[in-house]
N, C-alpha and C. Protein backbone atom coordinates (compact mmCIF):
# COMPACT_ATOMS: atom_id res chain seq x y z
N MET A 1 1.11 -11.37 7.25
CA MET A 1 0.23 -11.21 8.39
C MET A 1 -0.18 -9.75 8.53
N MET A 2 -1.44 -9.52 8.74
CA MET A 2 -1.94 -8.16 8.82
C MET A 2 -1.84 -7.65 10.26
N THR A 3 -1.20 -6.51 10.41
CA THR A 3 -1.06 -5.89 11.73
C THR A 3 -2.29 -5.04 12.05
N THR A 4 -2.39 -4.65 13.30
CA THR A 4 -3.48 -3.78 13.72
C THR A 4 -3.42 -2.45 12.99
N LYS A 5 -2.22 -1.93 12.80
CA LYS A 5 -2.07 -0.64 12.12
C LYS A 5 -2.58 -0.74 10.68
N LEU A 6 -2.24 -1.83 9.98
CA LEU A 6 -2.71 -2.00 8.60
C LEU A 6 -4.23 -2.16 8.58
N LYS A 7 -4.78 -2.88 9.54
CA LYS A 7 -6.24 -3.02 9.62
C LYS A 7 -6.91 -1.67 9.77
N LEU A 8 -6.34 -0.80 10.58
CA LEU A 8 -6.91 0.54 10.78
C LEU A 8 -6.85 1.36 9.49
N ILE A 9 -5.75 1.25 8.76
CA ILE A 9 -5.62 1.96 7.48
C ILE A 9 -6.68 1.46 6.50
N ILE A 10 -6.86 0.14 6.43
CA ILE A 10 -7.83 -0.45 5.51
C ILE A 10 -9.26 -0.05 5.90
N GLU A 11 -9.54 -0.04 7.19
CA GLU A 11 -10.88 0.38 7.64
C GLU A 11 -11.13 1.85 7.29
N LYS A 12 -10.13 2.69 7.48
CA LYS A 12 -10.26 4.12 7.21
C LYS A 12 -10.51 4.39 5.73
N HIS A 13 -9.89 3.59 4.86
CA HIS A 13 -9.97 3.79 3.41
C HIS A 13 -10.64 2.60 2.73
N GLY A 14 -11.66 2.05 3.37
CA GLY A 14 -12.31 0.83 2.89
C GLY A 14 -12.78 0.88 1.45
N LEU A 15 -13.42 1.97 1.06
CA LEU A 15 -13.91 2.08 -0.32
C LEU A 15 -12.76 2.14 -1.32
N ASP A 16 -11.70 2.88 -0.97
CA ASP A 16 -10.54 2.96 -1.86
C ASP A 16 -9.85 1.61 -1.99
N VAL A 17 -9.74 0.89 -0.89
CA VAL A 17 -9.11 -0.43 -0.92
C VAL A 17 -9.95 -1.39 -1.77
N ALA A 18 -11.25 -1.36 -1.58
CA ALA A 18 -12.13 -2.25 -2.36
C ALA A 18 -12.04 -1.94 -3.85
N ALA A 19 -12.04 -0.67 -4.21
CA ALA A 19 -11.93 -0.29 -5.62
C ALA A 19 -10.59 -0.72 -6.20
N PHE A 20 -9.52 -0.57 -5.43
CA PHE A 20 -8.20 -0.98 -5.87
C PHE A 20 -8.15 -2.49 -6.10
N LEU A 21 -8.68 -3.26 -5.15
CA LEU A 21 -8.66 -4.71 -5.27
C LEU A 21 -9.52 -5.21 -6.43
N ASP A 22 -10.56 -4.46 -6.76
CA ASP A 22 -11.40 -4.81 -7.91
C ASP A 22 -10.73 -4.45 -9.23
N GLY A 23 -9.63 -3.69 -9.15
CA GLY A 23 -8.92 -3.28 -10.36
C GLY A 23 -9.54 -2.07 -11.04
N ASP A 24 -10.48 -1.44 -10.36
CA ASP A 24 -11.17 -0.29 -10.96
C ASP A 24 -10.31 0.96 -11.00
N VAL A 25 -9.52 1.17 -9.95
CA VAL A 25 -8.73 2.40 -9.84
C VAL A 25 -7.38 2.09 -9.22
N ASP A 26 -6.49 3.06 -9.34
CA ASP A 26 -5.20 2.96 -8.67
C ASP A 26 -5.40 3.29 -7.19
N ILE A 27 -4.36 3.10 -6.42
CA ILE A 27 -4.40 3.48 -5.01
C ILE A 27 -4.57 4.99 -4.94
N SER A 28 -5.54 5.44 -4.14
CA SER A 28 -5.77 6.88 -4.01
C SER A 28 -4.57 7.54 -3.32
N GLU A 29 -4.45 8.84 -3.51
CA GLU A 29 -3.31 9.57 -2.96
C GLU A 29 -3.25 9.47 -1.44
N HIS A 30 -4.39 9.62 -0.78
CA HIS A 30 -4.41 9.57 0.69
C HIS A 30 -4.07 8.17 1.20
N LEU A 31 -4.61 7.16 0.55
CA LEU A 31 -4.30 5.78 0.93
C LEU A 31 -2.83 5.48 0.67
N TYR A 32 -2.32 5.92 -0.48
CA TYR A 32 -0.92 5.69 -0.82
C TYR A 32 0.01 6.28 0.25
N LYS A 33 -0.27 7.50 0.67
CA LYS A 33 0.59 8.15 1.67
C LYS A 33 0.63 7.35 2.97
N GLU A 34 -0.51 6.85 3.40
CA GLU A 34 -0.54 6.07 4.64
C GLU A 34 0.15 4.72 4.46
N LEU A 35 -0.07 4.09 3.30
CA LEU A 35 0.59 2.80 3.05
C LEU A 35 2.10 2.97 2.90
N TYR A 36 2.52 4.06 2.29
CA TYR A 36 3.96 4.33 2.16
C TYR A 36 4.60 4.41 3.54
N GLU A 37 4.00 5.16 4.44
CA GLU A 37 4.51 5.29 5.81
C GLU A 37 4.51 3.93 6.51
N TYR A 38 3.51 3.13 6.23
CA TYR A 38 3.41 1.81 6.85
C TYR A 38 4.51 0.86 6.33
N TYR A 39 4.73 0.87 5.03
CA TYR A 39 5.64 -0.10 4.42
C TYR A 39 7.08 0.38 4.24
N VAL A 40 7.37 1.63 4.43
CA VAL A 40 8.67 2.19 4.07
C VAL A 40 9.84 1.46 4.75
N ASP A 41 9.66 0.98 5.96
CA ASP A 41 10.75 0.27 6.64
C ASP A 41 11.03 -1.10 6.05
N GLU A 42 10.05 -1.68 5.38
CA GLU A 42 10.22 -2.99 4.73
C GLU A 42 10.74 -2.86 3.30
N MET A 43 10.51 -1.71 2.71
CA MET A 43 10.82 -1.48 1.30
C MET A 43 12.33 -1.28 1.11
N PRO A 44 12.90 -1.83 0.05
CA PRO A 44 14.31 -1.54 -0.24
C PRO A 44 14.51 -0.03 -0.40
N TYR A 45 15.65 0.46 0.09
CA TYR A 45 15.92 1.90 0.10
C TYR A 45 15.80 2.51 -1.29
N GLY A 46 16.38 1.87 -2.28
CA GLY A 46 16.34 2.40 -3.65
C GLY A 46 14.93 2.48 -4.20
N THR A 47 14.10 1.54 -3.82
CA THR A 47 12.70 1.58 -4.24
C THR A 47 11.95 2.68 -3.50
N ALA A 48 12.19 2.80 -2.21
CA ALA A 48 11.53 3.84 -1.41
C ALA A 48 11.84 5.23 -1.96
N LYS A 49 13.04 5.41 -2.48
CA LYS A 49 13.44 6.70 -3.04
C LYS A 49 13.18 6.79 -4.55
N ALA A 50 12.55 5.76 -5.11
CA ALA A 50 12.21 5.69 -6.54
C ALA A 50 13.45 5.75 -7.43
N ARG A 51 14.54 5.17 -6.97
CA ARG A 51 15.78 5.12 -7.76
C ARG A 51 15.93 3.79 -8.49
N ASP A 52 15.65 2.71 -7.77
CA ASP A 52 15.85 1.36 -8.32
C ASP A 52 14.54 0.65 -8.63
N GLY A 53 13.44 1.25 -8.25
CA GLY A 53 12.15 0.62 -8.46
C GLY A 53 11.03 1.60 -8.19
N ASP A 54 9.83 1.16 -8.43
CA ASP A 54 8.65 2.00 -8.27
C ASP A 54 8.00 1.71 -6.92
N PRO A 55 7.99 2.68 -6.00
CA PRO A 55 7.38 2.42 -4.70
C PRO A 55 5.89 2.10 -4.79
N TYR A 56 5.20 2.71 -5.76
CA TYR A 56 3.77 2.43 -5.94
C TYR A 56 3.56 0.94 -6.23
N GLN A 57 4.34 0.39 -7.16
CA GLN A 57 4.20 -1.03 -7.51
C GLN A 57 4.56 -1.92 -6.32
N TRP A 58 5.60 -1.54 -5.59
CA TRP A 58 6.02 -2.33 -4.43
C TRP A 58 4.91 -2.34 -3.40
N ILE A 59 4.31 -1.18 -3.13
CA ILE A 59 3.24 -1.08 -2.15
C ILE A 59 2.01 -1.85 -2.61
N ALA A 60 1.65 -1.74 -3.87
CA ALA A 60 0.50 -2.46 -4.40
C ALA A 60 0.68 -3.96 -4.22
N HIS A 61 1.86 -4.47 -4.54
CA HIS A 61 2.15 -5.90 -4.38
C HIS A 61 2.09 -6.29 -2.91
N ALA A 62 2.70 -5.50 -2.04
CA ALA A 62 2.70 -5.81 -0.60
C ALA A 62 1.28 -5.80 -0.04
N LEU A 63 0.47 -4.85 -0.48
CA LEU A 63 -0.91 -4.79 -0.01
C LEU A 63 -1.68 -6.03 -0.44
N TYR A 64 -1.54 -6.43 -1.72
CA TYR A 64 -2.20 -7.66 -2.19
C TYR A 64 -1.77 -8.86 -1.33
N GLU A 65 -0.49 -8.97 -1.07
CA GLU A 65 0.02 -10.10 -0.29
C GLU A 65 -0.53 -10.08 1.14
N ASP A 66 -0.57 -8.91 1.76
CA ASP A 66 -1.06 -8.84 3.14
C ASP A 66 -2.55 -9.09 3.24
N LEU A 67 -3.30 -8.82 2.17
CA LEU A 67 -4.74 -9.03 2.21
C LEU A 67 -5.14 -10.46 1.83
N ARG A 68 -4.20 -11.24 1.35
CA ARG A 68 -4.50 -12.64 0.99
C ARG A 68 -4.74 -13.49 2.19
C-alpha cells in the first residue's frame, strides 16, 4: 500500500521514477536517499548497513512492489 509520504517522494522525483521503472537507469542518488529514509525501518538491519544484503536492491524491489 502506498502511503502519502511515498506518493510525495514519487511526485517529487517523477521523471527519475519513470526512468527507473522503464529500466533505463538506476535509481538516482537523490531519489535513493529519500527512499532509503522512507524504507529503512522496514529493511532488515544487516541489509540497511550493507552487511548481509544490498540496500539498493532491497529498495528497488520494495519500490516495485509498492507501485504495483
